[in-house]
């Protein structure tokens, strides 16, 4: 397709720019924890 599959990684230690930056992800995880969530990520 035009965007590709998230399950076909090009780098294991970077963020997909489609979703934002690494700082955006860290901020979201921190906010999730503040709200009481646990966070897990898909690992391929």
ModelCIF file with pLDDT and N, C-alpha, C, O atoms, coordinates in Angstrom:
data_MODEL
#
_entry.id   MODEL 
#
_entity.id                         1 
_entity.type                       polymer 
_entity.pdbx_number_of_molecules   1 
#
_entity_poly.entity_id                      1 
_entity_poly.type                           'polypeptide(L)' 
_entity_poly.nstd_linkage                   no 
_entity_poly.nstd_monomer                   no 
_entity_poly.pdbx_seq_one_letter_code       
;(UNK)(UNK)(UNK)(UNK)(UNK)(UNK)(UNK)(UNK)(UNK)(UNK)(UNK)(UNK)(UNK)(UNK)(UNK)(UNK)
(UNK)(UNK)(UNK)(UNK)(UNK)(UNK)(UNK)(UNK)(UNK)(UNK)(UNK)(UNK)(UNK)(UNK)(UNK)(UNK)
(UNK)(UNK)(UNK)(UNK)(UNK)(UNK)(UNK)(UNK)(UNK)(UNK)(UNK)(UNK)
;
_entity_poly.pdbx_seq_one_letter_code_can   XXXXXXXXXXXXXXXXXXXXXXXXXXXXXXXXXXXXXXXXXXXX 
_entity_poly.pdbx_strand_id                 A 
#
loop_
_entity_poly_seq.entity_id 
_entity_poly_seq.num 
_entity_poly_seq.mon_id 
_entity_poly_seq.hetero 
1 1  UNK n 
1 2  UNK n 
1 3  UNK n 
1 4  UNK n 
1 5  UNK n 
1 6  UNK n 
1 7  UNK n 
1 8  UNK n 
1 9  UNK n 
1 10 UNK n 
1 11 UNK n 
1 12 UNK n 
1 13 UNK n 
1 14 UNK n 
1 15 UNK n 
1 16 UNK n 
1 17 UNK n 
1 18 UNK n 
1 19 UNK n 
1 20 UNK n 
1 21 UNK n 
1 22 UNK n 
1 23 UNK n 
1 24 UNK n 
1 25 UNK n 
1 26 UNK n 
1 27 UNK n 
1 28 UNK n 
1 29 UNK n 
1 30 UNK n 
1 31 UNK n 
1 32 UNK n 
1 33 UNK n 
1 34 UNK n 
1 35 UNK n 
1 36 UNK n 
1 37 UNK n 
1 38 UNK n 
1 39 UNK n 
1 40 UNK n 
1 41 UNK n 
1 42 UNK n 
1 43 UNK n 
1 44 UNK n 
#
_struct_asym.id          A 
_struct_asym.entity_id   1 
#
loop_
_ma_qa_metric.id 
_ma_qa_metric.mode 
_ma_qa_metric.name 
_ma_qa_metric.software_group_id 
_ma_qa_metric.type 
1 global pLDDT . pLDDT 
2 local  pLDDT . pLDDT 
#
_ma_qa_metric_global.metric_id      1 
_ma_qa_metric_global.metric_value   97.93 
_ma_qa_metric_global.model_id       1 
_ma_qa_metric_global.ordinal_id     1 
#
loop_
_ma_qa_metric_local.label_asym_id 
_ma_qa_metric_local.label_comp_id 
_ma_qa_metric_local.label_seq_id 
_ma_qa_metric_local.metric_id 
_ma_qa_metric_local.metric_value 
_ma_qa_metric_local.model_id 
_ma_qa_metric_local.ordinal_id 
A UNK 1  2 97.00 1 1  
A UNK 2  2 98.00 1 2  
A UNK 3  2 98.00 1 3  
A UNK 4  2 98.00 1 4  
A UNK 5  2 97.00 1 5  
A UNK 6  2 97.00 1 6  
A UNK 7  2 98.00 1 7  
A UNK 8  2 98.00 1 8  
A UNK 9  2 98.00 1 9  
A UNK 10 2 98.00 1 10 
A UNK 11 2 98.00 1 11 
A UNK 12 2 98.00 1 12 
A UNK 13 2 98.00 1 13 
A UNK 14 2 98.00 1 14 
A UNK 15 2 98.00 1 15 
A UNK 16 2 98.00 1 16 
A UNK 17 2 98.00 1 17 
A UNK 18 2 98.00 1 18 
A UNK 19 2 98.00 1 19 
A UNK 20 2 98.00 1 20 
A UNK 21 2 98.00 1 21 
A UNK 22 2 98.00 1 22 
A UNK 23 2 98.00 1 23 
A UNK 24 2 98.00 1 24 
A UNK 25 2 98.00 1 25 
A UNK 26 2 98.00 1 26 
A UNK 27 2 98.00 1 27 
A UNK 28 2 98.00 1 28 
A UNK 29 2 98.00 1 29 
A UNK 30 2 98.00 1 30 
A UNK 31 2 98.00 1 31 
A UNK 32 2 98.00 1 32 
A UNK 33 2 98.00 1 33 
A UNK 34 2 98.00 1 34 
A UNK 35 2 98.00 1 35 
A UNK 36 2 98.00 1 36 
A UNK 37 2 98.00 1 37 
A UNK 38 2 98.00 1 38 
A UNK 39 2 98.00 1 39 
A UNK 40 2 98.00 1 40 
A UNK 41 2 98.00 1 41 
A UNK 42 2 98.00 1 42 
A UNK 43 2 98.00 1 43 
A UNK 44 2 98.00 1 44 
#
loop_
_atom_site.group_PDB 
_atom_site.id 
_atom_site.type_symbol 
_atom_site.label_atom_id 
_atom_site.label_alt_id 
_atom_site.label_comp_id 
_atom_site.label_asym_id 
_atom_site.label_entity_id 
_atom_site.label_seq_id 
_atom_site.pdbx_PDB_ins_code 
_atom_site.Cartn_x 
_atom_site.Cartn_y 
_atom_site.Cartn_z 
_atom_site.occupancy 
_atom_site.B_iso_or_equiv 
_atom_site.pdbx_formal_charge 
_atom_site.auth_seq_id 
_atom_site.auth_comp_id 
_atom_site.auth_asym_id 
_atom_site.auth_atom_id 
_atom_site.pdbx_PDB_model_num 
ATOM 1   N N  . UNK A 1 1  ? 0.817  -1.201 0.000  1.00 97.00 ? 1  UNK A N  1 
ATOM 2   C CA . UNK A 1 1  ? 0.000  0.000  0.000  1.00 97.00 ? 1  UNK A CA 1 
ATOM 3   C C  . UNK A 1 1  ? 0.851  1.252  0.000  1.00 97.00 ? 1  UNK A C  1 
ATOM 4   O O  . UNK A 1 1  ? 2.054  1.202  -0.256 1.00 97.00 ? 1  UNK A O  1 
ATOM 5   N N  . UNK A 1 2  ? 0.206  2.390  0.294  1.00 98.00 ? 2  UNK A N  1 
ATOM 6   C CA . UNK A 1 2  ? 0.949  3.652  0.267  1.00 98.00 ? 2  UNK A CA 1 
ATOM 7   C C  . UNK A 1 2  ? 1.661  3.930  1.574  1.00 98.00 ? 2  UNK A C  1 
ATOM 8   O O  . UNK A 1 2  ? 2.617  4.706  1.594  1.00 98.00 ? 2  UNK A O  1 
ATOM 9   N N  . UNK A 1 3  ? 1.222  3.314  2.681  1.00 98.00 ? 3  UNK A N  1 
ATOM 10  C CA . UNK A 1 3  ? 1.818  3.589  3.984  1.00 98.00 ? 3  UNK A CA 1 
ATOM 11  C C  . UNK A 1 3  ? 2.620  2.419  4.540  1.00 98.00 ? 3  UNK A C  1 
ATOM 12  O O  . UNK A 1 3  ? 3.480  2.613  5.400  1.00 98.00 ? 3  UNK A O  1 
ATOM 13  N N  . UNK A 1 4  ? 2.353  1.221  4.065  1.00 98.00 ? 4  UNK A N  1 
ATOM 14  C CA . UNK A 1 4  ? 3.090  0.059  4.546  1.00 98.00 ? 4  UNK A CA 1 
ATOM 15  C C  . UNK A 1 4  ? 2.538  -0.496 5.846  1.00 98.00 ? 4  UNK A C  1 
ATOM 16  O O  . UNK A 1 4  ? 1.646  0.081  6.467  1.00 98.00 ? 4  UNK A O  1 
ATOM 17  N N  . UNK A 1 5  ? 3.098  -1.639 6.239  1.00 97.00 ? 5  UNK A N  1 
ATOM 18  C CA . UNK A 1 5  ? 2.653  -2.325 7.452  1.00 97.00 ? 5  UNK A CA 1 
ATOM 19  C C  . UNK A 1 5  ? 3.516  -1.925 8.636  1.00 97.00 ? 5  UNK A C  1 
ATOM 20  O O  . UNK A 1 5  ? 4.742  -1.914 8.527  1.00 97.00 ? 5  UNK A O  1 
ATOM 21  N N  . UNK A 1 6  ? 2.894  -1.594 9.777  1.00 97.00 ? 6  UNK A N  1 
ATOM 22  C CA . UNK A 1 6  ? 3.681  -1.311 10.976 1.00 97.00 ? 6  UNK A CA 1 
ATOM 23  C C  . UNK A 1 6  ? 4.486  -2.514 11.447 1.00 97.00 ? 6  UNK A C  1 
ATOM 24  O O  . UNK A 1 6  ? 5.389  -2.368 12.271 1.00 97.00 ? 6  UNK A O  1 
ATOM 25  N N  . UNK A 1 7  ? 4.171  -3.706 10.931 1.00 98.00 ? 7  UNK A N  1 
ATOM 26  C CA . UNK A 1 7  ? 4.865  -4.927 11.332 1.00 98.00 ? 7  UNK A CA 1 
ATOM 27  C C  . UNK A 1 7  ? 6.082  -5.216 10.447 1.00 98.00 ? 7  UNK A C  1 
ATOM 28  O O  . UNK A 1 7  ? 6.665  -6.298 10.516 1.00 98.00 ? 7  UNK A O  1 
ATOM 29  N N  . UNK A 1 8  ? 6.461  -4.230 9.609  1.00 98.00 ? 8  UNK A N  1 
ATOM 30  C CA . UNK A 1 8  ? 7.673  -4.347 8.784  1.00 98.00 ? 8  UNK A CA 1 
ATOM 31  C C  . UNK A 1 8  ? 8.598  -3.198 9.167  1.00 98.00 ? 8  UNK A C  1 
ATOM 32  O O  . UNK A 1 8  ? 8.625  -2.166 8.496  1.00 98.00 ? 8  UNK A O  1 
ATOM 33  N N  . UNK A 1 9  ? 9.354  -3.378 10.244 1.00 98.00 ? 9  UNK A N  1 
ATOM 34  C CA . UNK A 1 9  ? 10.153 -2.295 10.811 1.00 98.00 ? 9  UNK A CA 1 
ATOM 35  C C  . UNK A 1 9  ? 11.409 -2.012 10.001 1.00 98.00 ? 9  UNK A C  1 
ATOM 36  O O  . UNK A 1 9  ? 11.970 -2.903 9.363  1.00 98.00 ? 9  UNK A O  1 
ATOM 37  N N  . UNK A 1 10 ? 11.838 -0.753 10.038 1.00 98.00 ? 10 UNK A N  1 
ATOM 38  C CA . UNK A 1 10 ? 13.116 -0.386 9.427  1.00 98.00 ? 10 UNK A CA 1 
ATOM 39  C C  . UNK A 1 10 ? 14.169 -0.054 10.481 1.00 98.00 ? 10 UNK A C  1 
ATOM 40  O O  . UNK A 1 10 ? 15.342 0.129  10.154 1.00 98.00 ? 10 UNK A O  1 
ATOM 41  N N  . UNK A 1 11 ? 13.752 0.025  11.746 1.00 98.00 ? 11 UNK A N  1 
ATOM 42  C CA . UNK A 1 11 ? 14.682 0.334  12.838 1.00 98.00 ? 11 UNK A CA 1 
ATOM 43  C C  . UNK A 1 11 ? 13.970 -0.007 14.142 1.00 98.00 ? 11 UNK A C  1 
ATOM 44  O O  . UNK A 1 11 ? 12.833 0.411  14.360 1.00 98.00 ? 11 UNK A O  1 
ATOM 45  N N  . UNK A 1 12 ? 14.636 -0.763 15.004 1.00 98.00 ? 12 UNK A N  1 
ATOM 46  C CA . UNK A 1 12 ? 13.984 -1.191 16.250 1.00 98.00 ? 12 UNK A CA 1 
ATOM 47  C C  . UNK A 1 12 ? 14.027 -0.143 17.365 1.00 98.00 ? 12 UNK A C  1 
ATOM 48  O O  . UNK A 1 12 ? 13.329 -0.292 18.368 1.00 98.00 ? 12 UNK A O  1 
ATOM 49  N N  . UNK A 1 13 ? 14.822 0.900  17.214 1.00 98.00 ? 13 UNK A N  1 
ATOM 50  C CA . UNK A 1 13 ? 14.973 1.842  18.326 1.00 98.00 ? 13 UNK A CA 1 
ATOM 51  C C  . UNK A 1 13 ? 14.639 3.279  17.923 1.00 98.00 ? 13 UNK A C  1 
ATOM 52  O O  . UNK A 1 13 ? 15.195 4.227  18.477 1.00 98.00 ? 13 UNK A O  1 
ATOM 53  N N  . UNK A 1 14 ? 13.734 3.434  16.961 1.00 98.00 ? 14 UNK A N  1 
ATOM 54  C CA . UNK A 1 14 ? 13.272 4.757  16.552 1.00 98.00 ? 14 UNK A CA 1 
ATOM 55  C C  . UNK A 1 14 ? 11.747 4.767  16.487 1.00 98.00 ? 14 UNK A C  1 
ATOM 56  O O  . UNK A 1 14 ? 11.098 3.723  16.547 1.00 98.00 ? 14 UNK A O  1 
ATOM 57  N N  . UNK A 1 15 ? 11.197 5.965  16.362 1.00 98.00 ? 15 UNK A N  1 
ATOM 58  C CA . UNK A 1 15 ? 9.747  6.147  16.293 1.00 98.00 ? 15 UNK A CA 1 
ATOM 59  C C  . UNK A 1 15 ? 9.307  6.376  14.854 1.00 98.00 ? 15 UNK A C  1 
ATOM 60  O O  . UNK A 1 15 ? 9.985  7.071  14.098 1.00 98.00 ? 15 UNK A O  1 
ATOM 61  N N  . UNK A 1 16 ? 8.196  5.805  14.482 1.00 98.00 ? 16 UNK A N  1 
ATOM 62  C CA . UNK A 1 16 ? 7.586  6.057  13.181 1.00 98.00 ? 16 UNK A CA 1 
ATOM 63  C C  . UNK A 1 16 ? 7.185  7.533  13.105 1.00 98.00 ? 16 UNK A C  1 
ATOM 64  O O  . UNK A 1 16 ? 6.318  7.963  13.867 1.00 98.00 ? 16 UNK A O  1 
ATOM 65  N N  . UNK A 1 17 ? 7.785  8.317  12.212 1.00 98.00 ? 17 UNK A N  1 
ATOM 66  C CA . UNK A 1 17 ? 7.450  9.745  12.143 1.00 98.00 ? 17 UNK A CA 1 
ATOM 67  C C  . UNK A 1 17 ? 5.997  10.007 11.796 1.00 98.00 ? 17 UNK A C  1 
ATOM 68  O O  . UNK A 1 17 ? 5.485  11.100 12.039 1.00 98.00 ? 17 UNK A O  1 
ATOM 69  N N  . UNK A 1 18 ? 5.326  9.007  11.227 1.00 98.00 ? 18 UNK A N  1 
ATOM 70  C CA . UNK A 1 18 ? 3.892  9.125  10.961 1.00 98.00 ? 18 UNK A CA 1 
ATOM 71  C C  . UNK A 1 18 ? 3.126  9.427  12.254 1.00 98.00 ? 18 UNK A C  1 
ATOM 72  O O  . UNK A 1 18 ? 2.098  10.104 12.232 1.00 98.00 ? 18 UNK A O  1 
ATOM 73  N N  . UNK A 1 19 ? 3.640  8.915  13.383 1.00 98.00 ? 19 UNK A N  1 
ATOM 74  C CA . UNK A 1 19 ? 2.945  9.052  14.658 1.00 98.00 ? 19 UNK A CA 1 
ATOM 75  C C  . UNK A 1 19 ? 3.447  10.218 15.502 1.00 98.00 ? 19 UNK A C  1 
ATOM 76  O O  . UNK A 1 19 ? 2.787  10.606 16.466 1.00 98.00 ? 19 UNK A O  1 
ATOM 77  N N  . UNK A 1 20 ? 4.604  10.784 15.156 1.00 98.00 ? 20 UNK A N  1 
ATOM 78  C CA . UNK A 1 20 ? 5.166  11.865 15.955 1.00 98.00 ? 20 UNK A CA 1 
ATOM 79  C C  . UNK A 1 20 ? 6.635  11.632 16.232 1.00 98.00 ? 20 UNK A C  1 
ATOM 80  O O  . UNK A 1 20 ? 7.332  10.989 15.447 1.00 98.00 ? 20 UNK A O  1 
ATOM 81  N N  . UNK A 1 21 ? 7.100  12.155 17.348 1.00 98.00 ? 21 UNK A N  1 
ATOM 82  C CA . UNK A 1 21 ? 8.514  12.049 17.712 1.00 98.00 ? 21 UNK A CA 1 
ATOM 83  C C  . UNK A 1 21 ? 8.673  11.139 18.929 1.00 98.00 ? 21 UNK A C  1 
ATOM 84  O O  . UNK A 1 21 ? 7.694  10.747 19.563 1.00 98.00 ? 21 UNK A O  1 
ATOM 85  N N  . UNK A 1 22 ? 9.923  10.816 19.239 1.00 98.00 ? 22 UNK A N  1 
ATOM 86  C CA . UNK A 1 22 ? 10.196 10.037 20.435 1.00 98.00 ? 22 UNK A CA 1 
ATOM 87  C C  . UNK A 1 22 ? 9.727  10.798 21.679 1.00 98.00 ? 22 UNK A C  1 
ATOM 88  O O  . UNK A 1 22 ? 9.197  10.192 22.611 1.00 98.00 ? 22 UNK A O  1 
ATOM 89  N N  . UNK A 1 23 ? 9.915  12.099 21.697 1.00 98.00 ? 23 UNK A N  1 
ATOM 90  C CA . UNK A 1 23 ? 9.444  12.884 22.836 1.00 98.00 ? 23 UNK A CA 1 
ATOM 91  C C  . UNK A 1 23 ? 7.923  12.845 22.953 1.00 98.00 ? 23 UNK A C  1 
ATOM 92  O O  . UNK A 1 23 ? 7.383  12.829 24.059 1.00 98.00 ? 23 UNK A O  1 
ATOM 93  N N  . UNK A 1 24 ? 7.232  12.831 21.808 1.00 98.00 ? 24 UNK A N  1 
ATOM 94  C CA . UNK A 1 24 ? 5.769  12.697 21.833 1.00 98.00 ? 24 UNK A CA 1 
ATOM 95  C C  . UNK A 1 24 ? 5.368  11.370 22.481 1.00 98.00 ? 24 UNK A C  1 
ATOM 96  O O  . UNK A 1 24 ? 4.442  11.311 23.290 1.00 98.00 ? 24 UNK A O  1 
ATOM 97  N N  . UNK A 1 25 ? 6.084  10.314 22.108 1.00 98.00 ? 25 UNK A N  1 
ATOM 98  C CA . UNK A 1 25 ? 5.763  9.002  22.668 1.00 98.00 ? 25 UNK A CA 1 
ATOM 99  C C  . UNK A 1 25 ? 6.031  8.982  24.171 1.00 98.00 ? 25 UNK A C  1 
ATOM 100 O O  . UNK A 1 25 ? 5.203  8.504  24.946 1.00 98.00 ? 25 UNK A O  1 
ATOM 101 N N  . UNK A 1 26 ? 7.183  9.498  24.577 1.00 98.00 ? 26 UNK A N  1 
ATOM 102 C CA . UNK A 1 26 ? 7.508  9.523  26.004 1.00 98.00 ? 26 UNK A CA 1 
ATOM 103 C C  . UNK A 1 26 ? 6.478  10.334 26.790 1.00 98.00 ? 26 UNK A C  1 
ATOM 104 O O  . UNK A 1 26 ? 6.068  9.943  27.882 1.00 98.00 ? 26 UNK A O  1 
ATOM 105 N N  . UNK A 1 27 ? 6.071  11.456 26.227 1.00 98.00 ? 27 UNK A N  1 
ATOM 106 C CA . UNK A 1 27 ? 5.068  12.292 26.893 1.00 98.00 ? 27 UNK A CA 1 
ATOM 107 C C  . UNK A 1 27 ? 3.765  11.529 27.055 1.00 98.00 ? 27 UNK A C  1 
ATOM 108 O O  . UNK A 1 27 ? 3.127  11.586 28.106 1.00 98.00 ? 27 UNK A O  1 
ATOM 109 N N  . UNK A 1 28 ? 3.374  10.813 26.006 1.00 98.00 ? 28 UNK A N  1 
ATOM 110 C CA . UNK A 1 28 ? 2.136  10.045 26.069 1.00 98.00 ? 28 UNK A CA 1 
ATOM 111 C C  . UNK A 1 28 ? 2.229  8.934  27.116 1.00 98.00 ? 28 UNK A C  1 
ATOM 112 O O  . UNK A 1 28 ? 1.277  8.714  27.866 1.00 98.00 ? 28 UNK A O  1 
ATOM 113 N N  . UNK A 1 29 ? 3.359  8.233  27.177 1.00 98.00 ? 29 UNK A N  1 
ATOM 114 C CA . UNK A 1 29 ? 3.539  7.182  28.181 1.00 98.00 ? 29 UNK A CA 1 
ATOM 115 C C  . UNK A 1 29 ? 3.478  7.774  29.585 1.00 98.00 ? 29 UNK A C  1 
ATOM 116 O O  . UNK A 1 29 ? 2.843  7.208  30.475 1.00 98.00 ? 29 UNK A O  1 
ATOM 117 N N  . UNK A 1 30 ? 4.136  8.907  29.781 1.00 98.00 ? 30 UNK A N  1 
ATOM 118 C CA . UNK A 1 30 ? 4.109  9.549  31.091 1.00 98.00 ? 30 UNK A CA 1 
ATOM 119 C C  . UNK A 1 30 ? 2.695  9.965  31.478 1.00 98.00 ? 30 UNK A C  1 
ATOM 120 O O  . UNK A 1 30 ? 2.289  9.807  32.629 1.00 98.00 ? 30 UNK A O  1 
ATOM 121 N N  . UNK A 1 31 ? 1.947  10.494 30.517 1.00 98.00 ? 31 UNK A N  1 
ATOM 122 C CA . UNK A 1 31 ? 0.564  10.893 30.792 1.00 98.00 ? 31 UNK A CA 1 
ATOM 123 C C  . UNK A 1 31 ? -0.300 9.669  31.073 1.00 98.00 ? 31 UNK A C  1 
ATOM 124 O O  . UNK A 1 31 ? -1.167 9.699  31.946 1.00 98.00 ? 31 UNK A O  1 
ATOM 125 N N  . UNK A 1 32 ? -0.061 8.607  30.335 1.00 98.00 ? 32 UNK A N  1 
ATOM 126 C CA . UNK A 1 32 ? -0.800 7.362  30.588 1.00 98.00 ? 32 UNK A CA 1 
ATOM 127 C C  . UNK A 1 32 ? -0.536 6.873  32.009 1.00 98.00 ? 32 UNK A C  1 
ATOM 128 O O  . UNK A 1 32 ? -1.464 6.484  32.718 1.00 98.00 ? 32 UNK A O  1 
ATOM 129 N N  . UNK A 1 33 ? 0.708  6.892  32.417 1.00 98.00 ? 33 UNK A N  1 
ATOM 130 C CA . UNK A 1 33 ? 1.040  6.471  33.777 1.00 98.00 ? 33 UNK A CA 1 
ATOM 131 C C  . UNK A 1 33 ? 0.401  7.384  34.813 1.00 98.00 ? 33 UNK A C  1 
ATOM 132 O O  . UNK A 1 33 ? -0.058 6.913  35.854 1.00 98.00 ? 33 UNK A O  1 
ATOM 133 N N  . UNK A 1 34 ? 0.368  8.689  34.540 1.00 98.00 ? 34 UNK A N  1 
ATOM 134 C CA . UNK A 1 34 ? -0.259 9.628  35.474 1.00 98.00 ? 34 UNK A CA 1 
ATOM 135 C C  . UNK A 1 34 ? -1.737 9.307  35.645 1.00 98.00 ? 34 UNK A C  1 
ATOM 136 O O  . UNK A 1 34 ? -2.292 9.464  36.733 1.00 98.00 ? 34 UNK A O  1 
ATOM 137 N N  . UNK A 1 35 ? -2.370 8.858  34.566 1.00 98.00 ? 35 UNK A N  1 
ATOM 138 C CA . UNK A 1 35 ? -3.794 8.513  34.619 1.00 98.00 ? 35 UNK A CA 1 
ATOM 139 C C  . UNK A 1 35 ? -4.043 7.130  35.199 1.00 98.00 ? 35 UNK A C  1 
ATOM 140 O O  . UNK A 1 35 ? -5.190 6.753  35.440 1.00 98.00 ? 35 UNK A O  1 
ATOM 141 N N  . UNK A 1 36 ? -2.977 6.373  35.424 1.00 98.00 ? 36 UNK A N  1 
ATOM 142 C CA . UNK A 1 36 ? -3.130 5.049  36.023 1.00 98.00 ? 36 UNK A CA 1 
ATOM 143 C C  . UNK A 1 36 ? -3.072 3.893  35.060 1.00 98.00 ? 36 UNK A C  1 
ATOM 144 O O  . UNK A 1 36 ? -3.273 2.748  35.465 1.00 98.00 ? 36 UNK A O  1 
ATOM 145 N N  . UNK A 1 37 ? -2.799 4.160  33.781 1.00 98.00 ? 37 UNK A N  1 
ATOM 146 C CA . UNK A 1 37 ? -2.689 3.085  32.797 1.00 98.00 ? 37 UNK A CA 1 
ATOM 147 C C  . UNK A 1 37 ? -1.329 2.386  32.901 1.00 98.00 ? 37 UNK A C  1 
ATOM 148 O O  . UNK A 1 37 ? -0.352 2.970  33.371 1.00 98.00 ? 37 UNK A O  1 
ATOM 149 N N  . UNK A 1 38 ? -1.285 1.138  32.459 1.00 98.00 ? 38 UNK A N  1 
ATOM 150 C CA . UNK A 1 38 ? -0.053 0.472  32.078 1.00 98.00 ? 38 UNK A CA 1 
ATOM 151 C C  . UNK A 1 38 ? 0.054  0.564  30.556 1.00 98.00 ? 38 UNK A C  1 
ATOM 152 O O  . UNK A 1 38 ? -0.959 0.650  29.862 1.00 98.00 ? 38 UNK A O  1 
ATOM 153 N N  . UNK A 1 39 ? 1.281  0.547  30.043 1.00 98.00 ? 39 UNK A N  1 
ATOM 154 C CA . UNK A 1 39 ? 1.499  0.679  28.602 1.00 98.00 ? 39 UNK A CA 1 
ATOM 155 C C  . UNK A 1 39 ? 2.373  -0.464 28.112 1.00 98.00 ? 39 UNK A C  1 
ATOM 156 O O  . UNK A 1 39 ? 3.458  -0.699 28.643 1.00 98.00 ? 39 UNK A O  1 
ATOM 157 N N  . UNK A 1 40 ? 1.892  -1.179 27.087 1.00 98.00 ? 40 UNK A N  1 
ATOM 158 C CA . UNK A 1 40 ? 2.716  -2.193 26.436 1.00 98.00 ? 40 UNK A CA 1 
ATOM 159 C C  . UNK A 1 40 ? 2.782  -1.866 24.949 1.00 98.00 ? 40 UNK A C  1 
ATOM 160 O O  . UNK A 1 40 ? 1.861  -1.267 24.394 1.00 98.00 ? 40 UNK A O  1 
ATOM 161 N N  . UNK A 1 41 ? 3.878  -2.264 24.312 1.00 98.00 ? 41 UNK A N  1 
ATOM 162 C CA . UNK A 1 41 ? 4.016  -2.016 22.882 1.00 98.00 ? 41 UNK A CA 1 
ATOM 163 C C  . UNK A 1 41 ? 4.180  -3.326 22.127 1.00 98.00 ? 41 UNK A C  1 
ATOM 164 O O  . UNK A 1 41 ? 4.673  -4.322 22.657 1.00 98.00 ? 41 UNK A O  1 
ATOM 165 N N  . UNK A 1 42 ? 3.753  -3.289 20.888 1.00 98.00 ? 42 UNK A N  1 
ATOM 166 C CA . UNK A 1 42 ? 3.891  -4.437 19.991 1.00 98.00 ? 42 UNK A CA 1 
ATOM 167 C C  . UNK A 1 42 ? 5.365  -4.634 19.671 1.00 98.00 ? 42 UNK A C  1 
ATOM 168 O O  . UNK A 1 42 ? 6.063  -3.680 19.326 1.00 98.00 ? 42 UNK A O  1 
ATOM 169 N N  . UNK A 1 43 ? 5.843  -5.878 19.785 1.00 98.00 ? 43 UNK A N  1 
ATOM 170 C CA . UNK A 1 43 ? 7.240  -6.148 19.458 1.00 98.00 ? 43 UNK A CA 1 
ATOM 171 C C  . UNK A 1 43 ? 7.318  -7.235 18.399 1.00 98.00 ? 43 UNK A C  1 
ATOM 172 O O  . UNK A 1 43 ? 6.804  -8.337 18.589 1.00 98.00 ? 43 UNK A O  1 
ATOM 173 N N  . UNK A 1 44 ? 7.969  -6.917 17.273 1.00 98.00 ? 44 UNK A N  1 
ATOM 174 C CA . UNK A 1 44 ? 8.019  -7.824 16.125 1.00 98.00 ? 44 UNK A CA 1 
ATOM 175 C C  . UNK A 1 44 ? 9.416  -8.411 16.042 1.00 98.00 ? 44 UNK A C  1 
ATOM 176 O O  . UNK A 1 44 ? 9.698  -9.208 15.148 1.00 98.00 ? 44 UNK A O  1 
#
